[in-house]
Amino acid sequence: MRLIPLVSAAFILLVPGPSSAQEWIEYSSPVDLFTVNFPAEPDVRETAYQTEYGVTVQGRVYSIENGSSRYSVTVVDYANVEAIHAARLDGCEGPSRTTANLCANPWVAELEGALDYASWNILRRDGEVTDYAYYRAERVEGRRIQLTNVDRSRTFAAIHMHENRLYIFEGTVPPGAPPPGLFQQSLGFIDDRGIRVRYETTYTNMHPPPPRVQYGEQANVVPDLAGLDMGMRRTFTEGPFARQTWEVDGSGDPMLVEAGAPGDSQGAP
């Protein structure tokens, strides 16, 4: 009789359960101003990134392997791309019909095309592209790409451009595994105070930013959103939160959305 509970307890210890999901951390970079869920603290390394117009800019790669899955965020700083191009063209003579294009500084095209150039570099990898679409995270516009790789693993990528920084989020899972939801649903951006950024309307890099929605400054007073899944909203008609709309964000926490604010037509959190 005593063996039954002991065997049951041993069996429970050997069976992986939901506790593995609780090991994930909400990681934020105060240097590169992003936030995302990782299975553990990522490795960080410097990288040199060659742009579409052949100059090299600096960046960082945040990466980690979790079993057969891999997660990474590559951040490339385009802030000095105008000066880098100007230095490369120093001494270029012109203008003339033969040198006008050679002496032009294409920094505007670099910034406006950085998102699509990064997407193109992923699209041309070996493997099958199974999804390519417009995408928004915190209403920052971007691109969404899914690949089935040669080894049948799958890569889920999101590319964004925010405040002249290029962000490439990639989660790769083994064949047959579910998509990397904890990673995908949590990606976002923060300001220099560490507060998560969300806009009222679509943010496009190099254009005036739209007003921000309050996010993370609720003075620790939040409503109970029990029963709502990630991305779902509740509008209150009475009580201390009357005329406010709240949403469950990518980390599972309540997030204040302005009352009556339009929904994200792309379905992005």
C-alpha atoms as a PDB file:
ATOM      1  CA  MET A   1       0.000   0.000   0.000  1.00  0.00           C
ATOM      2  CA  ARG A   2       2.808   2.401   0.830  1.00  0.00           C
ATOM      3  CA  LEU A   3       4.499   1.796  -2.532  1.00  0.00           C
ATOM      4  CA  ILE A   4       1.693   3.410  -4.524  1.00  0.00           C
ATOM      5  CA  PRO A   5       2.138   7.032  -3.416  1.00  0.00           C
ATOM      6  CA  LEU A   6       5.936   6.688  -3.598  1.00  0.00           C
ATOM      7  CA  VAL A   7       5.816   5.402  -7.168  1.00  0.00           C
ATOM      8  CA  SER A   8       3.307   8.105  -8.125  1.00  0.00           C
ATOM      9  CA  ALA A   9       5.529  10.812  -6.678  1.00  0.00           C
ATOM     10  CA  ALA A  10       8.564   9.463  -8.525  1.00  0.00           C
ATOM     11  CA  PHE A  11       6.582   9.350 -11.753  1.00  0.00           C
ATOM     12  CA  ILE A  12       5.514  12.983 -11.322  1.00  0.00           C
ATOM     13  CA  LEU A  13       9.119  14.043 -10.814  1.00  0.00           C
ATOM     14  CA  LEU A  14      10.176  12.325 -14.029  1.00  0.00           C
ATOM     15  CA  VAL A  15       7.438  13.810 -16.210  1.00  0.00           C
ATOM     16  CA  PRO A  16       8.204  17.291 -17.565  1.00  0.00           C
ATOM     17  CA  GLY A  17       5.434  19.734 -16.759  1.00  0.00           C
ATOM     18  CA  PRO A  18       4.562  23.381 -17.051  1.00  0.00           C
ATOM     19  CA  SER A  19       7.346  24.328 -14.636  1.00  0.00           C
ATOM     20  CA  SER A  20       9.747  24.470 -17.608  1.00  0.00           C
ATOM     21  CA  ALA A  21       7.827  27.477 -18.945  1.00  0.00           C
ATOM     22  CA  GLN A  22       8.290  29.259 -15.603  1.00  0.00           C
ATOM     23  CA  GLU A  23      12.044  29.278 -16.074  1.00  0.00           C
ATOM     24  CA  TRP A  24      11.765  31.884 -18.816  1.00  0.00           C
ATOM     25  CA  ILE A  25      12.775  35.449 -17.949  1.00  0.00           C
ATOM     26  CA  GLU A  26      11.647  38.828 -19.196  1.00  0.00           C
ATOM     27  CA  TYR A  27      14.883  40.268 -20.531  1.00  0.00           C
ATOM     28  CA  SER A  28      15.376  43.982 -21.231  1.00  0.00           C
ATOM     29  CA  SER A  29      18.397  45.712 -22.732  1.00  0.00           C
ATOM     30  CA  PRO A  30      18.947  49.269 -21.441  1.00  0.00           C
ATOM     31  CA  VAL A  31      21.587  49.678 -24.154  1.00  0.00           C
ATOM     32  CA  ASP A  32      19.609  48.565 -27.212  1.00  0.00           C
ATOM     33  CA  LEU A  33      16.162  49.433 -25.790  1.00  0.00           C
ATOM     34  CA  PHE A  34      14.205  46.235 -26.386  1.00  0.00           C
ATOM     35  CA  THR A  35      12.514  43.608 -24.266  1.00  0.00           C
ATOM     36  CA  VAL A  36      11.753  39.947 -24.974  1.00  0.00           C
ATOM     37  CA  ASN A  37      11.314  36.667 -23.120  1.00  0.00           C
ATOM     38  CA  PHE A  38      14.325  34.331 -23.169  1.00  0.00           C
ATOM     39  CA  PRO A  39      14.628  30.860 -21.590  1.00  0.00           C
ATOM     40  CA  ALA A  40      17.595  32.225 -19.589  1.00  0.00           C
ATOM     41  CA  GLU A  41      20.079  35.094 -19.620  1.00  0.00           C
ATOM     42  CA  PRO A  42      21.371  35.373 -23.226  1.00  0.00           C
ATOM     43  CA  ASP A  43      24.955  35.603 -24.390  1.00  0.00           C
ATOM     44  CA  VAL A  44      25.799  39.032 -25.817  1.00  0.00           C
ATOM     45  CA  ARG A  45      28.444  39.672 -28.458  1.00  0.00           C
ATOM     46  CA  GLU A  46      29.433  42.588 -30.642  1.00  0.00           C
ATOM     47  CA  THR A  47      28.893  42.260 -34.368  1.00  0.00           C
ATOM     48  CA  ALA A  48      29.726  44.144 -37.560  1.00  0.00           C
ATOM     49  CA  TYR A  49      26.862  44.438 -40.025  1.00  0.00           C
ATOM     50  CA  GLN A  50      27.235  45.279 -43.697  1.00  0.00           C
ATOM     51  CA  THR A  51      24.422  47.451 -44.997  1.00  0.00           C
ATOM     52  CA  GLU A  52      22.719  47.427 -48.390  1.00  0.00           C
ATOM     53  CA  TYR A  53      25.025  50.194 -49.630  1.00  0.00           C
ATOM     54  CA  GLY A  54      28.223  48.542 -48.478  1.00  0.00           C
ATOM     55  CA  VAL A  55      29.152  50.316 -45.267  1.00  0.00           C
ATOM     56  CA  THR A  56      29.770  48.586 -41.961  1.00  0.00           C
ATOM     57  CA  VAL A  57      27.815  49.556 -38.857  1.00  0.00           C
ATOM     58  CA  GLN A  58      28.061  48.138 -35.373  1.00  0.00           C
ATOM     59  CA  GLY A  59      25.552  46.051 -33.485  1.00  0.00           C
ATOM     60  CA  ARG A  60      25.022  43.339 -30.917  1.00  0.00           C
ATOM     61  CA  VAL A  61      23.621  39.823 -30.967  1.00  0.00           C
ATOM     62  CA  TYR A  62      21.733  38.477 -27.946  1.00  0.00           C
ATOM     63  CA  SER A  63      21.414  34.709 -28.269  1.00  0.00           C
ATOM     64  CA  ILE A  64      20.765  31.510 -26.372  1.00  0.00           C
ATOM     65  CA  GLU A  65      20.198  27.826 -27.090  1.00  0.00           C
ATOM     66  CA  ASN A  66      17.563  25.902 -25.170  1.00  0.00           C
ATOM     67  CA  GLY A  67      17.827  22.222 -26.038  1.00  0.00           C
ATOM     68  CA  SER A  68      17.298  22.006 -29.792  1.00  0.00           C
ATOM     69  CA  SER A  69      15.788  25.483 -29.983  1.00  0.00           C
ATOM     70  CA  ARG A  70      17.660  28.719 -30.650  1.00  0.00           C
ATOM     71  CA  TYR A  71      16.659  32.302 -29.937  1.00  0.00           C
ATOM     72  CA  SER A  72      18.391  35.509 -30.932  1.00  0.00           C
ATOM     73  CA  VAL A  73      17.916  39.250 -31.192  1.00  0.00           C
ATOM     74  CA  THR A  74      20.259  41.167 -33.495  1.00  0.00           C
ATOM     75  CA  VAL A  75      20.290  44.930 -32.997  1.00  0.00           C
ATOM     76  CA  VAL A  76      22.064  47.164 -35.518  1.00  0.00           C
ATOM     77  CA  ASP A  77      22.582  50.859 -34.823  1.00  0.00           C
ATOM     78  CA  TYR A  78      22.063  53.003 -37.931  1.00  0.00           C
ATOM     79  CA  ALA A  79      22.343  56.315 -36.038  1.00  0.00           C
ATOM     80  CA  ASN A  80      25.695  57.270 -37.593  1.00  0.00           C
ATOM     81  CA  VAL A  81      25.076  55.960 -41.092  1.00  0.00           C
ATOM     82  CA  GLU A  82      24.950  59.466 -42.622  1.00  0.00           C
ATOM     83  CA  ALA A  83      28.372  60.348 -41.200  1.00  0.00           C
ATOM     84  CA  ILE A  84      29.819  56.976 -42.205  1.00  0.00           C
ATOM     85  CA  HIS A  85      28.755  57.503 -45.816  1.00  0.00           C
ATOM     86  CA  ALA A  86      30.068  61.068 -45.793  1.00  0.00           C
ATOM     87  CA  ALA A  87      33.468  59.878 -44.569  1.00  0.00           C
ATOM     88  CA  ARG A  88      33.593  57.191 -47.252  1.00  0.00           C
ATOM     89  CA  LEU A  89      32.891  59.780 -49.941  1.00  0.00           C
ATOM     90  CA  ASP A  90      35.378  62.321 -48.608  1.00  0.00           C
ATOM     91  CA  GLY A  91      37.349  63.731 -51.516  1.00  0.00           C
ATOM     92  CA  CYS A  92      34.889  62.545 -54.127  1.00  0.00           C
ATOM     93  CA  GLU A  93      34.784  65.121 -56.900  1.00  0.00           C
ATOM     94  CA  GLY A  94      31.610  66.303 -58.530  1.00  0.00           C
ATOM     95  CA  PRO A  95      29.024  66.976 -59.434  1.00  0.00           C
ATOM     96  CA  SER A  96      29.245  65.807 -63.043  1.00  0.00           C
ATOM     97  CA  ARG A  97      27.301  63.365 -65.185  1.00  0.00           C
ATOM     98  CA  THR A  98      29.872  60.651 -64.565  1.00  0.00           C
ATOM     99  CA  THR A  99      30.382  61.123 -60.839  1.00  0.00           C
ATOM    100  CA  ALA A 100      27.021  62.397 -59.577  1.00  0.00           C
ATOM    101  CA  ASN A 101      25.764  58.980 -58.456  1.00  0.00           C
ATOM    102  CA  LEU A 102      29.146  57.926 -57.132  1.00  0.00           C
ATOM    103  CA  CYS A 103      29.377  61.061 -55.004  1.00  0.00           C
ATOM    104  CA  ALA A 104      25.847  60.917 -53.627  1.00  0.00           C
ATOM    105  CA  ASN A 105      25.361  60.029 -49.977  1.00  0.00           C
ATOM    106  CA  PRO A 106      22.633  57.326 -49.881  1.00  0.00           C
ATOM    107  CA  TRP A 107      22.086  57.478 -46.106  1.00  0.00           C
ATOM    108  CA  VAL A 108      18.360  58.161 -46.466  1.00  0.00           C
ATOM    109  CA  ALA A 109      17.917  55.080 -48.650  1.00  0.00           C
ATOM    110  CA  GLU A 110      19.982  53.088 -46.141  1.00  0.00           C
ATOM    111  CA  LEU A 111      17.593  53.972 -43.333  1.00  0.00           C
ATOM    112  CA  GLU A 112      14.385  53.660 -45.313  1.00  0.00           C
ATOM    113  CA  GLY A 113      15.448  50.338 -46.820  1.00  0.00           C
ATOM    114  CA  ALA A 114      17.131  48.724 -43.810  1.00  0.00           C
ATOM    115  CA  LEU A 115      14.042  46.768 -42.792  1.00  0.00           C
ATOM    116  CA  ASP A 116      13.488  45.316 -46.260  1.00  0.00           C
ATOM    117  CA  TYR A 117      17.181  44.600 -46.813  1.00  0.00           C
ATOM    118  CA  ALA A 118      17.317  42.599 -43.574  1.00  0.00           C
ATOM    119  CA  SER A 119      14.162  40.750 -44.635  1.00  0.00           C
ATOM    120  CA  TRP A 120      15.687  39.946 -48.019  1.00  0.00           C
ATOM    121  CA  ASN A 121      18.746  38.427 -46.353  1.00  0.00           C
ATOM    122  CA  ILE A 122      16.480  36.028 -44.443  1.00  0.00           C
ATOM    123  CA  LEU A 123      14.267  35.245 -47.438  1.00  0.00           C
ATOM    124  CA  ARG A 124      17.212  34.103 -49.531  1.00  0.00           C
ATOM    125  CA  ARG A 125      18.477  31.546 -47.012  1.00  0.00           C
ATOM    126  CA  ASP A 126      18.361  27.866 -47.848  1.00  0.00           C
ATOM    127  CA  GLY A 127      14.982  26.433 -47.004  1.00  0.00           C
ATOM    128  CA  GLU A 128      11.326  27.083 -47.821  1.00  0.00           C
ATOM    129  CA  VAL A 129       9.613  30.376 -47.057  1.00  0.00           C
ATOM    130  CA  THR A 130       6.198  29.497 -45.601  1.00  0.00           C
ATOM    131  CA  ASP A 131       5.082  32.971 -44.541  1.00  0.00           C
ATOM    132  CA  TYR A 132       6.065  36.547 -45.365  1.00  0.00           C
ATOM    133  CA  ALA A 133       3.835  39.392 -44.221  1.00  0.00           C
ATOM    134  CA  TYR A 134       3.530  42.901 -42.880  1.00  0.00           C
ATOM    135  CA  TYR A 135       3.677  42.893 -39.095  1.00  0.00           C
ATOM    136  CA  ARG A 136       3.424  45.223 -36.118  1.00  0.00           C
ATOM    137  CA  ALA A 137       4.674  44.882 -32.554  1.00  0.00           C
ATOM    138  CA  GLU A 138       3.542  47.594 -30.148  1.00  0.00           C
ATOM    139  CA  ARG A 139       2.346  49.205 -33.427  1.00  0.00           C
ATOM    140  CA  VAL A 140       5.933  49.532 -34.662  1.00  0.00           C
ATOM    141  CA  GLU A 141       5.739  48.348 -38.249  1.00  0.00           C
ATOM    142  CA  GLY A 142       7.859  45.473 -39.455  1.00  0.00           C
ATOM    143  CA  ARG A 143       7.940  42.227 -41.398  1.00  0.00           C
ATOM    144  CA  ARG A 144       7.127  38.660 -40.333  1.00  0.00           C
ATOM    145  CA  ILE A 145       8.899  35.680 -41.913  1.00  0.00           C
ATOM    146  CA  GLN A 146       8.621  31.930 -41.351  1.00  0.00           C
ATOM    147  CA  LEU A 147      11.030  29.419 -42.845  1.00  0.00           C
ATOM    148  CA  THR A 148      11.234  25.655 -42.934  1.00  0.00           C
ATOM    149  CA  ASN A 149      14.962  25.010 -42.945  1.00  0.00           C
ATOM    150  CA  VAL A 150      16.849  22.259 -44.761  1.00  0.00           C
ATOM    151  CA  ASP A 151      16.984  20.152 -41.573  1.00  0.00           C
ATOM    152  CA  ARG A 152      13.160  20.631 -41.210  1.00  0.00           C
ATOM    153  CA  SER A 153      13.558  22.919 -38.220  1.00  0.00           C
ATOM    154  CA  ARG A 154      11.468  26.076 -38.414  1.00  0.00           C
ATOM    155  CA  THR A 155      12.555  29.680 -37.984  1.00  0.00           C
ATOM    156  CA  PHE A 156      10.102  32.412 -36.972  1.00  0.00           C
ATOM    157  CA  ALA A 157      11.511  35.902 -37.536  1.00  0.00           C
ATOM    158  CA  ALA A 158      10.293  39.454 -36.999  1.00  0.00           C
ATOM    159  CA  ILE A 159      12.168  42.507 -38.289  1.00  0.00           C
ATOM    160  CA  HIS A 160      11.528  46.045 -37.075  1.00  0.00           C
ATOM    161  CA  MET A 161      13.088  49.496 -37.354  1.00  0.00           C
ATOM    162  CA  HIS A 162      12.668  51.757 -34.331  1.00  0.00           C
ATOM    163  CA  GLU A 163      14.500  55.028 -33.659  1.00  0.00           C
ATOM    164  CA  ASN A 164      17.113  54.178 -36.290  1.00  0.00           C
ATOM    165  CA  ARG A 165      17.840  50.792 -34.768  1.00  0.00           C
ATOM    166  CA  LEU A 166      17.269  47.626 -36.775  1.00  0.00           C
ATOM    167  CA  TYR A 167      15.885  44.701 -34.729  1.00  0.00           C
ATOM    168  CA  ILE A 168      15.942  41.118 -36.018  1.00  0.00           C
ATOM    169  CA  PHE A 169      14.150  38.658 -33.710  1.00  0.00           C
ATOM    170  CA  GLU A 170      14.603  34.954 -34.577  1.00  0.00           C
ATOM    171  CA  GLY A 171      13.305  31.825 -32.874  1.00  0.00           C
ATOM    172  CA  THR A 172      14.185  28.414 -34.356  1.00  0.00           C
ATOM    173  CA  VAL A 173      12.509  25.231 -33.132  1.00  0.00           C
ATOM    174  CA  PRO A 174      13.139  21.569 -34.073  1.00  0.00           C
ATOM    175  CA  PRO A 175      10.899  19.586 -36.465  1.00  0.00           C
ATOM    176  CA  GLY A 176       7.425  18.982 -35.055  1.00  0.00           C
ATOM    177  CA  ALA A 177       7.827  21.442 -32.184  1.00  0.00           C
ATOM    178  CA  PRO A 178       5.242  24.196 -31.623  1.00  0.00           C
ATOM    179  CA  PRO A 179       6.107  27.780 -32.589  1.00  0.00           C
ATOM    180  CA  PRO A 180       8.229  29.723 -30.054  1.00  0.00           C
ATOM    181  CA  GLY A 181       5.231  31.525 -28.585  1.00  0.00           C
ATOM    182  CA  LEU A 182       6.846  32.727 -25.342  1.00  0.00           C
ATOM    183  CA  PHE A 183       9.516  34.410 -27.441  1.00  0.00           C
ATOM    184  CA  GLN A 184       7.313  35.735 -30.252  1.00  0.00           C
ATOM    185  CA  GLN A 185       4.527  37.227 -28.171  1.00  0.00           C
ATOM    186  CA  SER A 186       6.823  39.118 -25.802  1.00  0.00           C
ATOM    187  CA  LEU A 187       8.993  41.214 -28.130  1.00  0.00           C
ATOM    188  CA  GLY A 188       8.760  44.956 -27.625  1.00  0.00           C
ATOM    189  CA  PHE A 189      10.649  48.197 -27.187  1.00  0.00           C
ATOM    190  CA  ILE A 190      11.542  50.319 -24.160  1.00  0.00           C
ATOM    191  CA  ASP A 191      12.598  53.926 -23.667  1.00  0.00           C
ATOM    192  CA  ASP A 192      15.677  55.195 -21.837  1.00  0.00           C
ATOM    193  CA  ARG A 193      13.725  54.997 -18.552  1.00  0.00           C
ATOM    194  CA  GLY A 194      13.051  51.298 -19.082  1.00  0.00           C
ATOM    195  CA  ILE A 195       9.322  51.826 -19.745  1.00  0.00           C
ATOM    196  CA  ARG A 196       7.821  49.736 -22.497  1.00  0.00           C
ATOM    197  CA  VAL A 197       6.820  51.693 -25.614  1.00  0.00           C
ATOM    198  CA  ARG A 198       3.497  51.385 -27.404  1.00  0.00           C
ATOM    199  CA  TYR A 199       1.965  53.810 -29.899  1.00  0.00           C
ATOM    200  CA  GLU A 200      -1.613  54.878 -30.550  1.00  0.00           C
ATOM    201  CA  THR A 201      -1.155  54.436 -34.314  1.00  0.00           C
ATOM    202  CA  THR A 202       1.452  52.874 -36.583  1.00  0.00           C
ATOM    203  CA  TYR A 203       5.056  53.946 -36.028  1.00  0.00           C
ATOM    204  CA  THR A 204       7.201  54.234 -39.161  1.00  0.00           C
ATOM    205  CA  ASN A 205      10.903  54.941 -38.778  1.00  0.00           C
ATOM    206  CA  MET A 206      12.100  58.352 -40.057  1.00  0.00           C
ATOM    207  CA  HIS A 207       8.594  59.794 -39.640  1.00  0.00           C
ATOM    208  CA  PRO A 208       7.317  61.780 -36.636  1.00  0.00           C
ATOM    209  CA  PRO A 209       6.348  59.269 -33.957  1.00  0.00           C
ATOM    210  CA  PRO A 210       2.651  59.112 -33.048  1.00  0.00           C
ATOM    211  CA  PRO A 211       1.553  59.630 -29.430  1.00  0.00           C
ATOM    212  CA  ARG A 212       2.365  56.821 -27.050  1.00  0.00           C
ATOM    213  CA  VAL A 213      -0.164  54.797 -25.107  1.00  0.00           C
ATOM    214  CA  GLN A 214       0.476  54.691 -21.378  1.00  0.00           C
ATOM    215  CA  TYR A 215       2.293  51.463 -20.605  1.00  0.00           C
ATOM    216  CA  GLY A 216       3.809  50.410 -17.325  1.00  0.00           C
ATOM    217  CA  GLU A 217       3.122  53.587 -15.333  1.00  0.00           C
ATOM    218  CA  GLN A 218      -0.080  52.572 -13.575  1.00  0.00           C
ATOM    219  CA  ALA A 219       1.335  53.261 -10.075  1.00  0.00           C
ATOM    220  CA  ASN A 220       0.931  49.562  -9.279  1.00  0.00           C
ATOM    221  CA  VAL A 221      -2.879  49.903  -9.439  1.00  0.00           C
ATOM    222  CA  VAL A 222      -4.248  47.523 -12.043  1.00  0.00           C
ATOM    223  CA  PRO A 223      -7.566  45.763 -12.591  1.00  0.00           C
ATOM    224  CA  ASP A 224      -8.134  42.032 -12.361  1.00  0.00           C
ATOM    225  CA  LEU A 225      -8.038  40.558 -15.889  1.00  0.00           C
ATOM    226  CA  ALA A 226      -8.401  36.949 -14.784  1.00  0.00           C
ATOM    227  CA  GLY A 227      -9.851  34.765 -17.515  1.00  0.00           C
ATOM    228  CA  LEU A 228      -8.415  36.802 -20.385  1.00  0.00           C
ATOM    229  CA  ASP A 229      -5.772  35.322 -22.670  1.00  0.00           C
ATOM    230  CA  MET A 230      -2.767  37.170 -24.019  1.00  0.00           C
ATOM    231  CA  GLY A 231      -3.811  40.036 -26.317  1.00  0.00           C
ATOM    232  CA  MET A 232      -7.420  40.113 -25.078  1.00  0.00           C
ATOM    233  CA  ARG A 233      -8.971  43.343 -23.786  1.00  0.00           C
ATOM    234  CA  ARG A 234     -11.603  44.443 -21.292  1.00  0.00           C
ATOM    235  CA  THR A 235     -13.312  47.844 -21.213  1.00  0.00           C
ATOM    236  CA  PHE A 236     -14.693  48.896 -17.824  1.00  0.00           C
ATOM    237  CA  THR A 237     -17.940  50.850 -17.600  1.00  0.00           C
ATOM    238  CA  GLU A 238     -17.923  51.575 -13.861  1.00  0.00           C
ATOM    239  CA  GLY A 239     -15.690  51.582 -10.816  1.00  0.00           C
ATOM    240  CA  PRO A 240     -12.136  53.015 -10.502  1.00  0.00           C
ATOM    241  CA  PHE A 241     -11.280  51.916 -14.062  1.00  0.00           C
ATOM    242  CA  ALA A 242     -14.435  53.280 -15.723  1.00  0.00           C
ATOM    243  CA  ARG A 243     -13.975  54.231 -19.397  1.00  0.00           C
ATOM    244  CA  GLN A 244     -10.587  52.539 -19.477  1.00  0.00           C
ATOM    245  CA  THR A 245      -9.597  49.645 -21.734  1.00  0.00           C
ATOM    246  CA  TRP A 246      -7.000  47.198 -20.455  1.00  0.00           C
ATOM    247  CA  GLU A 247      -5.196  44.421 -22.303  1.00  0.00           C
ATOM    248  CA  VAL A 248      -3.178  41.364 -21.283  1.00  0.00           C
ATOM    249  CA  ASP A 249       0.278  42.072 -22.706  1.00  0.00           C
ATOM    250  CA  GLY A 250       2.907  39.660 -24.016  1.00  0.00           C
ATOM    251  CA  SER A 251       4.167  38.991 -20.489  1.00  0.00           C
ATOM    252  CA  GLY A 252       0.705  38.195 -19.163  1.00  0.00           C
ATOM    253  CA  ASP A 253       0.450  41.484 -17.223  1.00  0.00           C
ATOM    254  CA  PRO A 254      -2.346  44.096 -17.406  1.00  0.00           C
ATOM    255  CA  MET A 255      -1.570  46.972 -19.763  1.00  0.00           C
ATOM    256  CA  LEU A 256      -3.591  50.178 -19.933  1.00  0.00           C
ATOM    257  CA  VAL A 257      -4.900  51.050 -23.394  1.00  0.00           C
ATOM    258  CA  GLU A 258      -6.607  54.404 -23.782  1.00  0.00           C
ATOM    259  CA  ALA A 259     -10.381  54.156 -23.587  1.00  0.00           C
ATOM    260  CA  GLY A 260     -11.789  53.848 -27.063  1.00  0.00           C
ATOM    261  CA  ALA A 261      -8.369  53.384 -28.667  1.00  0.00           C
ATOM    262  CA  PRO A 262      -8.620  51.587 -32.011  1.00  0.00           C
ATOM    263  CA  GLY A 263      -7.673  47.928 -32.109  1.00  0.00           C
ATOM    264  CA  ASP A 264      -4.576  46.718 -33.908  1.00  0.00           C
ATOM    265  CA  SER A 265      -5.854  45.601 -37.317  1.00  0.00           C
ATOM    266  CA  GLN A 266      -2.928  43.225 -37.662  1.00  0.00           C
ATOM    267  CA  GLY A 267      -3.803  41.397 -34.454  1.00  0.00           C
ATOM    268  CA  ALA A 268      -0.384  42.159 -32.989  1.00  0.00           C
ATOM    269  CA  PRO A 269      -0.106  42.589 -29.218  1.00  0.00           C
END
